[in-house]
PDB file of all heavy atoms in Angstrom:
ATOM      1  N   TRP A   1      -5.533  23.999   6.143  1.00  0.00           N
ATOM      2  CA  TRP A   1      -5.904  23.117   4.997  1.00  0.00           C
ATOM      3  C   TRP A   1      -7.259  22.523   5.296  1.00  0.00           C
ATOM      4  O   TRP A   1      -7.374  21.381   5.865  1.00  0.00           O
ATOM      5  CB  TRP A   1      -4.814  22.074   4.818  1.00  0.00           C
ATOM      6  CG  TRP A   1      -4.970  21.204   3.541  1.00  0.00           C
ATOM      7  CD1 TRP A   1      -5.970  21.317   2.627  1.00  0.00           C
ATOM      8  CD2 TRP A   1      -4.117  20.182   3.139  1.00  0.00           C
ATOM      9  NE1 TRP A   1      -5.791  20.347   1.634  1.00  0.00           N
ATOM     10  CE2 TRP A   1      -4.666  19.657   1.929  1.00  0.00           C
ATOM     11  CE3 TRP A   1      -2.985  19.587   3.697  1.00  0.00           C
ATOM     12  CZ2 TRP A   1      -4.052  18.570   1.242  1.00  0.00           C
ATOM     13  CZ3 TRP A   1      -2.394  18.539   2.990  1.00  0.00           C
ATOM     14  CH2 TRP A   1      -2.903  17.997   1.779  1.00  0.00           C
ATOM     15  N   PRO A   2      -8.282  23.182   4.929  1.00  0.00           N
ATOM     16  CA  PRO A   2      -9.711  22.655   5.187  1.00  0.00           C
ATOM     17  C   PRO A   2      -9.970  21.351   4.519  1.00  0.00           C
ATOM     18  O   PRO A   2     -10.770  20.589   4.987  1.00  0.00           O
ATOM     19  CB  PRO A   2     -10.585  23.777   4.633  1.00  0.00           C
ATOM     20  CG  PRO A   2      -9.736  25.020   4.735  1.00  0.00           C
ATOM     21  CD  PRO A   2      -8.391  24.531   4.441  1.00  0.00           C
ATOM     22  N   GLY A   3      -9.288  21.027   3.394  1.00  0.00           N
ATOM     23  CA  GLY A   3      -9.542  19.797   2.703  1.00  0.00           C
ATOM     24  C   GLY A   3      -8.594  18.662   3.043  1.00  0.00           C
ATOM     25  O   GLY A   3      -8.489  17.701   2.320  1.00  0.00           O
ATOM     26  N   PHE A   4      -7.924  18.741   4.211  1.00  0.00           N
ATOM     27  CA  PHE A   4      -6.851  17.779   4.569  1.00  0.00           C
ATOM     28  C   PHE A   4      -7.442  16.337   4.548  1.00  0.00           C
ATOM     29  O   PHE A   4      -6.728  15.384   4.249  1.00  0.00           O
ATOM     30  CB  PHE A   4      -6.260  18.143   5.919  1.00  0.00           C
ATOM     31  CG  PHE A   4      -5.345  17.116   6.458  1.00  0.00           C
ATOM     32  CD1 PHE A   4      -4.074  16.860   5.903  1.00  0.00           C
ATOM     33  CD2 PHE A   4      -5.705  16.333   7.525  1.00  0.00           C
ATOM     34  CE1 PHE A   4      -3.174  15.905   6.401  1.00  0.00           C
ATOM     35  CE2 PHE A   4      -4.869  15.297   8.045  1.00  0.00           C
ATOM     36  CZ  PHE A   4      -3.582  15.132   7.482  1.00  0.00           C
ATOM     37  N   ALA A   5      -8.744  16.196   4.990  1.00  0.00           N
ATOM     38  CA  ALA A   5      -9.295  14.834   5.119  1.00  0.00           C
ATOM     39  C   ALA A   5      -9.219  14.097   3.809  1.00  0.00           C
ATOM     40  O   ALA A   5      -8.995  12.818   3.816  1.00  0.00           O
ATOM     41  CB  ALA A   5     -10.669  14.959   5.562  1.00  0.00           C
ATOM     42  N   HIS A   6      -9.245  14.766   2.670  1.00  0.00           N
ATOM     43  CA  HIS A   6      -9.241  13.999   1.395  1.00  0.00           C
ATOM     44  C   HIS A   6      -7.952  13.283   1.209  1.00  0.00           C
ATOM     45  O   HIS A   6      -7.940  12.252   0.527  1.00  0.00           O
ATOM     46  CB  HIS A   6      -9.429  14.997   0.285  1.00  0.00           C
ATOM     47  CG  HIS A   6     -10.889  15.457   0.113  1.00  0.00           C
ATOM     48  ND1 HIS A   6     -11.898  14.745  -0.556  1.00  0.00           N
ATOM     49  CD2 HIS A   6     -11.510  16.515   0.619  1.00  0.00           C
ATOM     50  CE1 HIS A   6     -13.072  15.404  -0.445  1.00  0.00           C
ATOM     51  NE2 HIS A   6     -12.843  16.500   0.220  1.00  0.00           N
ATOM     52  N   THR A   7      -6.843  13.798   1.672  1.00  0.00           N
ATOM     53  CA  THR A   7      -5.527  13.109   1.458  1.00  0.00           C
ATOM     54  C   THR A   7      -5.444  11.786   2.180  1.00  0.00           C
ATOM     55  O   THR A   7      -4.649  10.939   1.905  1.00  0.00           O
ATOM     56  CB  THR A   7      -4.350  14.083   1.816  1.00  0.00           C
ATOM     57  OG1 THR A   7      -3.150  13.598   1.161  1.00  0.00           O
ATOM     58  CG2 THR A   7      -4.230  14.104   3.302  1.00  0.00           C
ATOM     59  N   LEU A   8      -6.326  11.582   3.166  1.00  0.00           N
ATOM     60  CA  LEU A   8      -6.323  10.354   3.920  1.00  0.00           C
ATOM     61  C   LEU A   8      -7.142   9.262   3.277  1.00  0.00           C
ATOM     62  O   LEU A   8      -7.322   8.121   3.787  1.00  0.00           O
ATOM     63  CB  LEU A   8      -6.764  10.585   5.397  1.00  0.00           C
ATOM     64  CG  LEU A   8      -5.849  11.541   6.203  1.00  0.00           C
ATOM     65  CD1 LEU A   8      -6.358  11.614   7.641  1.00  0.00           C
ATOM     66  CD2 LEU A   8      -4.367  11.120   6.152  1.00  0.00           C
ATOM     67  N   THR A   9      -7.795   9.585   2.144  1.00  0.00           N
ATOM     68  CA  THR A   9      -8.544   8.603   1.364  1.00  0.00           C
ATOM     69  C   THR A   9      -7.707   7.872   0.347  1.00  0.00           C
ATOM     70  O   THR A   9      -8.176   6.935  -0.277  1.00  0.00           O
ATOM     71  CB  THR A   9      -9.756   9.272   0.619  1.00  0.00           C
ATOM     72  OG1 THR A   9      -9.207  10.167  -0.386  1.00  0.00           O
ATOM     73  CG2 THR A   9     -10.609  10.083   1.567  1.00  0.00           C
ATOM     74  N   SER A  10      -6.572   8.412   0.080  1.00  0.00           N
ATOM     75  CA  SER A  10      -5.655   7.833  -1.015  1.00  0.00           C
ATOM     76  C   SER A  10      -4.313   7.423  -0.402  1.00  0.00           C
ATOM     77  O   SER A  10      -4.228   6.854   0.600  1.00  0.00           O
ATOM     78  CB  SER A  10      -5.616   8.804  -2.186  1.00  0.00           C
ATOM     79  OG  SER A  10      -5.170  10.088  -1.813  1.00  0.00           O
ATOM     80  N   GLY A  11      -3.280   7.801  -1.133  1.00  0.00           N
ATOM     81  CA  GLY A  11      -1.949   7.317  -0.887  1.00  0.00           C
ATOM     82  C   GLY A  11      -1.450   7.432   0.556  1.00  0.00           C
ATOM     83  O   GLY A  11      -1.078   6.481   1.196  1.00  0.00           O
ATOM     84  N   ALA A  12      -1.513   8.632   1.125  1.00  0.00           N
ATOM     85  CA  ALA A  12      -1.061   8.874   2.525  1.00  0.00           C
ATOM     86  C   ALA A  12      -2.010   8.086   3.553  1.00  0.00           C
ATOM     87  O   ALA A  12      -1.508   7.757   4.616  1.00  0.00           O
ATOM     88  CB  ALA A  12      -1.100  10.303   2.801  1.00  0.00           C
ATOM     89  N   GLY A  13      -3.243   7.849   3.120  1.00  0.00           N
ATOM     90  CA  GLY A  13      -4.180   7.172   3.993  1.00  0.00           C
ATOM     91  C   GLY A  13      -4.088   5.642   3.863  1.00  0.00           C
ATOM     92  O   GLY A  13      -4.806   4.963   4.577  1.00  0.00           O
ATOM     93  N   MET A  14      -3.317   5.148   2.923  1.00  0.00           N
ATOM     94  CA  MET A  14      -3.075   3.702   2.721  1.00  0.00           C
ATOM     95  C   MET A  14      -1.903   3.308   3.602  1.00  0.00           C
ATOM     96  O   MET A  14      -0.757   3.555   3.195  1.00  0.00           O
ATOM     97  CB  MET A  14      -2.898   3.365   1.276  1.00  0.00           C
ATOM     98  CG  MET A  14      -4.077   3.600   0.428  1.00  0.00           C
ATOM     99  SD  MET A  14      -3.741   3.252  -1.309  1.00  0.00           S
ATOM    100  CE  MET A  14      -5.338   3.541  -2.053  1.00  0.00           C
ATOM    101  N   ILE A  15      -2.088   2.683   4.745  1.00  0.00           N
ATOM    102  CA  ILE A  15      -1.072   2.422   5.668  1.00  0.00           C
ATOM    103  C   ILE A  15      -0.394   1.065   5.437  1.00  0.00           C
ATOM    104  O   ILE A  15      -1.077   0.086   5.364  1.00  0.00           O
ATOM    105  CB  ILE A  15      -1.618   2.442   7.092  1.00  0.00           C
ATOM    106  CG1 ILE A  15      -2.407   3.824   7.342  1.00  0.00           C
ATOM    107  CG2 ILE A  15      -0.581   2.319   8.162  1.00  0.00           C
ATOM    108  CD1 ILE A  15      -1.558   5.008   7.081  1.00  0.00           C
ATOM    109  N   VAL A  16       0.930   1.107   5.301  1.00  0.00           N
ATOM    110  CA  VAL A  16       1.656  -0.157   5.059  1.00  0.00           C
ATOM    111  C   VAL A  16       2.195  -0.562   6.420  1.00  0.00           C
ATOM    112  O   VAL A  16       2.525   0.198   7.303  1.00  0.00           O
ATOM    113  CB  VAL A  16       2.850   0.064   4.079  1.00  0.00           C
ATOM    114  CG1 VAL A  16       2.282   0.534   2.764  1.00  0.00           C
ATOM    115  CG2 VAL A  16       3.835   1.038   4.575  1.00  0.00           C
ATOM    116  N   ALA A  17       2.342  -1.900   6.607  1.00  0.00           N
ATOM    117  CA  ALA A  17       2.818  -2.408   7.859  1.00  0.00           C
ATOM    118  C   ALA A  17       4.351  -2.137   8.115  1.00  0.00           C
ATOM    119  O   ALA A  17       5.107  -1.962   7.160  1.00  0.00           O
ATOM    120  CB  ALA A  17       2.609  -3.910   7.895  1.00  0.00           C
ATOM    121  N   PRO A  18       4.780  -2.073   9.350  1.00  0.00           N
ATOM    122  CA  PRO A  18       6.187  -1.788   9.627  1.00  0.00           C
ATOM    123  C   PRO A  18       7.075  -2.872   8.881  1.00  0.00           C
ATOM    124  O   PRO A  18       8.213  -2.547   8.450  1.00  0.00           O
ATOM    125  CB  PRO A  18       6.270  -1.959  11.150  1.00  0.00           C
ATOM    126  CG  PRO A  18       4.946  -1.569  11.620  1.00  0.00           C
ATOM    127  CD  PRO A  18       3.899  -2.081  10.605  1.00  0.00           C
ATOM    128  N   ALA A  19       6.562  -4.139   8.741  1.00  0.00           N
ATOM    129  CA  ALA A  19       7.362  -5.172   8.117  1.00  0.00           C
ATOM    130  C   ALA A  19       7.456  -5.059   6.628  1.00  0.00           C
ATOM    131  O   ALA A  19       8.137  -5.875   5.997  1.00  0.00           O
ATOM    132  CB  ALA A  19       6.820  -6.519   8.537  1.00  0.00           C
ATOM    133  N   ALA A  20       6.684  -4.076   6.000  1.00  0.00           N
ATOM    134  CA  ALA A  20       6.725  -3.996   4.527  1.00  0.00           C
ATOM    135  C   ALA A  20       7.978  -3.672   3.965  1.00  0.00           C
ATOM    136  O   ALA A  20       8.330  -4.001   2.819  1.00  0.00           O
ATOM    137  CB  ALA A  20       5.588  -2.926   4.115  1.00  0.00           C
ATOM    138  N   GLY A  21       8.861  -2.939   4.747  1.00  0.00           N
ATOM    139  CA  GLY A  21      10.205  -2.620   4.338  1.00  0.00           C
ATOM    140  C   GLY A  21      10.217  -1.278   3.604  1.00  0.00           C
ATOM    141  O   GLY A  21       9.270  -0.536   3.470  1.00  0.00           O
ATOM    142  N   THR A  22      11.428  -0.920   3.180  1.00  0.00           N
ATOM    143  CA  THR A  22      11.607   0.413   2.508  1.00  0.00           C
ATOM    144  C   THR A  22      11.202   0.333   1.036  1.00  0.00           C
ATOM    145  O   THR A  22      11.124  -0.719   0.422  1.00  0.00           O
ATOM    146  CB  THR A  22      13.124   0.769   2.537  1.00  0.00           C
ATOM    147  OG1 THR A  22      13.896  -0.309   1.952  1.00  0.00           O
ATOM    148  CG2 THR A  22      13.609   0.820   3.983  1.00  0.00           C
ATOM    149  N   PRO A  23      10.919   1.515   0.453  1.00  0.00           N
ATOM    150  CA  PRO A  23      10.538   1.535  -0.941  1.00  0.00           C
ATOM    151  C   PRO A  23      11.662   0.946  -1.817  1.00  0.00           C
ATOM    152  O   PRO A  23      12.810   1.161  -1.533  1.00  0.00           O
ATOM    153  CB  PRO A  23      10.356   3.035  -1.207  1.00  0.00           C
ATOM    154  CG  PRO A  23      10.028   3.596   0.172  1.00  0.00           C
ATOM    155  CD  PRO A  23      10.827   2.832   1.131  1.00  0.00           C
ATOM    156  N   GLY A  24      11.231   0.257  -2.867  1.00  0.00           N
ATOM    157  CA  GLY A  24      12.220  -0.330  -3.770  1.00  0.00           C
ATOM    158  C   GLY A  24      12.069  -1.805  -3.809  1.00  0.00           C
ATOM    159  O   GLY A  24      11.067  -2.425  -3.567  1.00  0.00           O
ATOM    160  N   ASP A  25      13.224  -2.446  -4.174  1.00  0.00           N
ATOM    161  CA  ASP A  25      13.267  -3.903  -4.364  1.00  0.00           C
ATOM    162  C   ASP A  25      12.859  -4.733  -3.173  1.00  0.00           C
ATOM    163  O   ASP A  25      12.324  -5.802  -3.261  1.00  0.00           O
ATOM    164  CB  ASP A  25      14.564  -4.335  -4.943  1.00  0.00           C
ATOM    165  CG  ASP A  25      14.866  -3.782  -6.322  1.00  0.00           C
ATOM    166  OD1 ASP A  25      13.893  -3.394  -7.079  1.00  0.00           O
ATOM    167  OD2 ASP A  25      16.095  -3.728  -6.712  1.00  0.00           O
ATOM    168  N   GLY A  26      13.116  -4.243  -1.991  1.00  0.00           N
ATOM    169  CA  GLY A  26      12.906  -4.946  -0.778  1.00  0.00           C
ATOM    170  C   GLY A  26      11.453  -4.813  -0.236  1.00  0.00           C
ATOM    171  O   GLY A  26      11.125  -5.352   0.795  1.00  0.00           O
ATOM    172  N   PHE A  27      10.619  -4.067  -0.911  1.00  0.00           N
ATOM    173  CA  PHE A  27       9.286  -3.851  -0.451  1.00  0.00           C
ATOM    174  C   PHE A  27       8.338  -5.057  -0.560  1.00  0.00           C
ATOM    175  O   PHE A  27       8.336  -5.736  -1.619  1.00  0.00           O
ATOM    176  CB  PHE A  27       8.674  -2.645  -1.135  1.00  0.00           C
ATOM    177  CG  PHE A  27       7.218  -2.410  -0.813  1.00  0.00           C
ATOM    178  CD1 PHE A  27       6.950  -1.771   0.408  1.00  0.00           C
ATOM    179  CD2 PHE A  27       6.209  -2.679  -1.716  1.00  0.00           C
ATOM    180  CE1 PHE A  27       5.617  -1.569   0.799  1.00  0.00           C
ATOM    181  CE2 PHE A  27       4.887  -2.441  -1.323  1.00  0.00           C
ATOM    182  CZ  PHE A  27       4.609  -1.861  -0.099  1.00  0.00           C
ATOM    183  N   THR A  28       7.563  -5.307   0.507  1.00  0.00           N
ATOM    184  CA  THR A  28       6.505  -6.334   0.543  1.00  0.00           C
ATOM    185  C   THR A  28       5.183  -5.712   0.773  1.00  0.00           C
ATOM    186  O   THR A  28       5.145  -5.019   1.874  1.00  0.00           O
ATOM    187  CB  THR A  28       6.867  -7.424   1.558  1.00  0.00           C
ATOM    188  OG1 THR A  28       8.103  -8.022   1.283  1.00  0.00           O
ATOM    189  CG2 THR A  28       5.784  -8.549   1.486  1.00  0.00           C
ATOM    190  N   PRO A  29       4.197  -5.896  -0.088  1.00  0.00           N
ATOM    191  CA  PRO A  29       2.902  -5.222   0.189  1.00  0.00           C
ATOM    192  C   PRO A  29       2.130  -5.805   1.309  1.00  0.00           C
ATOM    193  O   PRO A  29       1.376  -6.829   1.104  1.00  0.00           O
ATOM    194  CB  PRO A  29       2.218  -5.361  -1.129  1.00  0.00           C
ATOM    195  CG  PRO A  29       2.833  -6.541  -1.823  1.00  0.00           C
ATOM    196  CD  PRO A  29       4.212  -6.531  -1.327  1.00  0.00           C
ATOM    197  N   ILE A  30       2.301  -5.353   2.502  1.00  0.00           N
ATOM    198  CA  ILE A  30       1.514  -5.842   3.665  1.00  0.00           C
ATOM    199  C   ILE A  30       0.640  -4.725   4.184  1.00  0.00           C
ATOM    200  O   ILE A  30       1.132  -3.653   4.605  1.00  0.00           O
ATOM    201  CB  ILE A  30       2.563  -6.224   4.844  1.00  0.00           C
ATOM    202  CG1 ILE A  30       3.540  -7.272   4.291  1.00  0.00           C
ATOM    203  CG2 ILE A  30       1.716  -6.790   6.050  1.00  0.00           C
ATOM    204  CD1 ILE A  30       4.654  -7.561   5.287  1.00  0.00           C
ATOM    205  N   GLY A  31      -0.706  -4.969   4.026  1.00  0.00           N
ATOM    206  CA  GLY A  31      -1.670  -3.892   4.450  1.00  0.00           C
ATOM    207  C   GLY A  31      -2.733  -4.404   5.367  1.00  0.00           C
ATOM    208  O   GLY A  31      -2.664  -5.601   5.792  1.00  0.00           O
ATOM    209  N   ALA A  32      -3.685  -3.600   5.617  1.00  0.00           N
ATOM    210  CA  ALA A  32      -4.841  -3.915   6.501  1.00  0.00           C
ATOM    211  C   ALA A  32      -6.086  -3.943   5.693  1.00  0.00           C
ATOM    212  O   ALA A  32      -7.249  -3.911   6.370  1.00  0.00           O
ATOM    213  CB  ALA A  32      -4.898  -2.963   7.664  1.00  0.00           C
ATOM    214  N   GLY A  33      -6.058  -4.112   4.448  1.00  0.00           N
ATOM    215  CA  GLY A  33      -7.266  -4.154   3.616  1.00  0.00           C
ATOM    216  C   GLY A  33      -7.952  -5.487   3.648  1.00  0.00           C
ATOM    217  O   GLY A  33      -7.428  -6.424   4.243  1.00  0.00           O
ATOM    218  N   PRO A  34      -9.022  -5.702   2.787  1.00  0.00           N
ATOM    219  CA  PRO A  34      -9.752  -6.922   2.816  1.00  0.00           C
ATOM    220  C   PRO A  34      -9.018  -8.166   2.140  1.00  0.00           C
ATOM    221  O   PRO A  34      -9.388  -9.217   2.276  1.00  0.00           O
ATOM    222  CB  PRO A  34     -11.061  -6.607   2.117  1.00  0.00           C
ATOM    223  CG  PRO A  34     -10.672  -5.415   1.255  1.00  0.00           C
ATOM    224  CD  PRO A  34      -9.668  -4.625   2.076  1.00  0.00           C
ATOM    225  N   PHE A  35      -8.021  -7.843   1.281  1.00  0.00           N
ATOM    226  CA  PHE A  35      -7.312  -8.843   0.583  1.00  0.00           C
ATOM    227  C   PHE A  35      -5.793  -8.700   0.732  1.00  0.00           C
ATOM    228  O   PHE A  35      -5.324  -7.691   1.152  1.00  0.00           O
ATOM    229  CB  PHE A  35      -7.651  -8.698  -0.923  1.00  0.00           C
ATOM    230  CG  PHE A  35      -9.132  -8.935  -1.246  1.00  0.00           C
ATOM    231  CD1 PHE A  35     -10.030  -7.924  -1.238  1.00  0.00           C
ATOM    232  CD2 PHE A  35      -9.595 -10.237  -1.478  1.00  0.00           C
ATOM    233  CE1 PHE A  35     -11.361  -8.128  -1.542  1.00  0.00           C
ATOM    234  CE2 PHE A  35     -10.968 -10.473  -1.779  1.00  0.00           C
ATOM    235  CZ  PHE A  35     -11.843  -9.359  -1.784  1.00  0.00           C
ATOM    236  N   THR A  36      -5.140  -9.807   0.423  1.00  0.00           N
ATOM    237  CA  THR A  36      -3.664  -9.796   0.471  1.00  0.00           C
ATOM    238  C   THR A  36      -3.154 -10.324  -0.918  1.00  0.00           C
ATOM    239  O   THR A  36      -3.808 -11.090  -1.554  1.00  0.00           O
ATOM    240  CB  THR A  36      -3.124 -10.665   1.625  1.00  0.00           C
ATOM    241  OG1 THR A  36      -1.682 -10.427   1.735  1.00  0.00           O
ATOM    242  CG2 THR A  36      -3.469 -12.107   1.468  1.00  0.00           C
ATOM    243  N   LEU A  37      -1.968  -9.841  -1.276  1.00  0.00           N
ATOM    244  CA  LEU A  37      -1.397 -10.278  -2.494  1.00  0.00           C
ATOM    245  C   LEU A  37      -1.008 -11.744  -2.464  1.00  0.00           C
ATOM    246  O   LEU A  37      -0.162 -12.143  -1.596  1.00  0.00           O
ATOM    247  CB  LEU A  37      -0.156  -9.381  -2.853  1.00  0.00           C
ATOM    248  CG  LEU A  37       0.541  -9.789  -4.090  1.00  0.00           C
ATOM    249  CD1 LEU A  37      -0.274  -9.572  -5.371  1.00  0.00           C
ATOM    250  CD2 LEU A  37       1.858  -9.034  -4.299  1.00  0.00           C
ATOM    251  N   GLN A  38      -1.466 -12.522  -3.404  1.00  0.00           N
ATOM    252  CA  GLN A  38      -1.121 -13.917  -3.467  1.00  0.00           C
ATOM    253  C   GLN A  38       0.027 -14.098  -4.520  1.00  0.00           C
ATOM    254  O   GLN A  38       1.017 -14.742  -4.256  1.00  0.00           O
ATOM    255  CB  GLN A  38      -2.283 -14.781  -3.853  1.00  0.00           C
ATOM    256  CG  GLN A  38      -1.940 -16.239  -4.105  1.00  0.00           C
ATOM    257  CD  GLN A  38      -3.122 -17.111  -4.522  1.00  0.00           C
ATOM    258  OE1 GLN A  38      -4.307 -16.774  -4.211  1.00  0.00           O
ATOM    259  NE2 GLN A  38      -2.870 -18.195  -5.198  1.00  0.00           N
ATOM    260  N   GLU A  39      -0.241 -13.528  -5.692  1.00  0.00           N
ATOM    261  CA  GLU A  39       0.819 -13.629  -6.753  1.00  0.00           C
ATOM    262  C   GLU A  39       0.650 -12.484  -7.770  1.00  0.00           C
ATOM    263  O   GLU A  39      -0.470 -11.964  -7.927  1.00  0.00           O
ATOM    264  CB  GLU A  39       0.699 -14.961  -7.440  1.00  0.00           C
ATOM    265  CG  GLU A  39      -0.604 -15.289  -8.123  1.00  0.00           C
ATOM    266  CD  GLU A  39      -0.662 -16.677  -8.743  1.00  0.00           C
ATOM    267  OE1 GLU A  39       0.332 -17.437  -8.656  1.00  0.00           O
ATOM    268  OE2 GLU A  39      -1.698 -16.970  -9.352  1.00  0.00           O
ATOM    269  N   TRP A  40       1.736 -12.183  -8.442  1.00  0.00           N
ATOM    270  CA  TRP A  40       1.667 -11.134  -9.493  1.00  0.00           C
ATOM    271  C   TRP A  40       2.667 -11.622 -10.592  1.00  0.00           C
ATOM    272  O   TRP A  40       3.874 -11.574 -10.494  1.00  0.00           O
ATOM    273  CB  TRP A  40       2.150  -9.847  -8.831  1.00  0.00           C
ATOM    274  CG  TRP A  40       2.192  -8.637  -9.811  1.00  0.00           C
ATOM    275  CD1 TRP A  40       1.711  -8.615 -11.057  1.00  0.00           C
ATOM    276  CD2 TRP A  40       2.560  -7.380  -9.493  1.00  0.00           C
ATOM    277  NE1 TRP A  40       1.841  -7.362 -11.626  1.00  0.00           N
ATOM    278  CE2 TRP A  40       2.407  -6.537 -10.610  1.00  0.00           C
ATOM    279  CE3 TRP A  40       3.220  -6.715  -8.370  1.00  0.00           C
ATOM    280  CZ2 TRP A  40       2.723  -5.201 -10.696  1.00  0.00           C
ATOM    281  CZ3 TRP A  40       3.505  -5.377  -8.387  1.00  0.00           C
ATOM    282  CH2 TRP A  40       3.278  -4.602  -9.544  1.00  0.00           C
ATOM    283  N   HIS A  41       1.977 -11.975 -11.677  1.00  0.00           N
ATOM    284  CA  HIS A  41       2.772 -12.229 -12.888  1.00  0.00           C
ATOM    285  C   HIS A  41       2.799 -10.970 -13.779  1.00  0.00           C
ATOM    286  O   HIS A  41       1.835 -10.696 -14.433  1.00  0.00           O
ATOM    287  CB  HIS A  41       2.114 -13.405 -13.648  1.00  0.00           C
ATOM    288  CG  HIS A  41       2.008 -14.690 -12.898  1.00  0.00           C
ATOM    289  ND1 HIS A  41       3.164 -15.434 -12.618  1.00  0.00           N
ATOM    290  CD2 HIS A  41       0.997 -15.359 -12.370  1.00  0.00           C
ATOM    291  CE1 HIS A  41       2.797 -16.502 -11.861  1.00  0.00           C
ATOM    292  NE2 HIS A  41       1.515 -16.459 -11.712  1.00  0.00           N
ATOM    293  N   GLN A  42       3.896 -10.264 -13.638  1.00  0.00           N
ATOM    294  CA  GLN A  42       3.951  -8.918 -14.250  1.00  0.00           C
ATOM    295  C   GLN A  42       3.775  -8.984 -15.798  1.00  0.00           C
ATOM    296  O   GLN A  42       4.270  -9.938 -16.435  1.00  0.00           O
ATOM    297  CB  GLN A  42       5.204  -8.219 -13.932  1.00  0.00           C
ATOM    298  CG  GLN A  42       5.303  -7.905 -12.397  1.00  0.00           C
ATOM    299  CD  GLN A  42       6.383  -6.981 -12.081  1.00  0.00           C
ATOM    300  OE1 GLN A  42       7.260  -6.660 -12.889  1.00  0.00           O
ATOM    301  NE2 GLN A  42       6.421  -6.489 -10.789  1.00  0.00           N
ATOM    302  N   GLY A  43       2.977  -8.029 -16.274  1.00  0.00           N
ATOM    303  CA  GLY A  43       2.592  -8.106 -17.722  1.00  0.00           C
ATOM    304  C   GLY A  43       1.413  -8.928 -18.025  1.00  0.00           C
ATOM    305  O   GLY A  43       0.895  -8.966 -19.118  1.00  0.00           O
ATOM    306  N   ASP A  44       0.890  -9.624 -17.018  1.00  0.00           N
ATOM    307  CA  ASP A  44      -0.289 -10.542 -17.248  1.00  0.00           C
ATOM    308  C   ASP A  44      -1.397 -10.339 -16.202  1.00  0.00           C
ATOM    309  O   ASP A  44      -2.384  -9.812 -16.567  1.00  0.00           O
ATOM    310  CB  ASP A  44       0.195 -12.027 -17.179  1.00  0.00           C
ATOM    311  CG  ASP A  44      -0.893 -13.006 -17.336  1.00  0.00           C
ATOM    312  OD1 ASP A  44      -1.892 -12.654 -18.033  1.00  0.00           O
ATOM    313  OD2 ASP A  44      -0.704 -14.166 -16.960  1.00  0.00           O
ATOM    314  N   ALA A  45      -1.153 -10.715 -14.981  1.00  0.00           N
ATOM    315  CA  ALA A  45      -2.256 -10.672 -13.968  1.00  0.00           C
ATOM    316  C   ALA A  45      -1.674 -10.660 -12.598  1.00  0.00           C
ATOM    317  O   ALA A  45      -0.587 -11.020 -12.278  1.00  0.00           O
ATOM    318  CB  ALA A  45      -3.161 -11.905 -14.150  1.00  0.00           C
TER     319      ALA A  45
END
């Protein structure tokens, strides 16, 4: 797969912390990016 590097720029390359939990209702978005989630009012902001 000569183009494998591209897949590490998106979903598979976005690494979630071990404490983030399993996919679904118990998931917490914990990452290593420049920002962290403060609040999410769904349908608004």
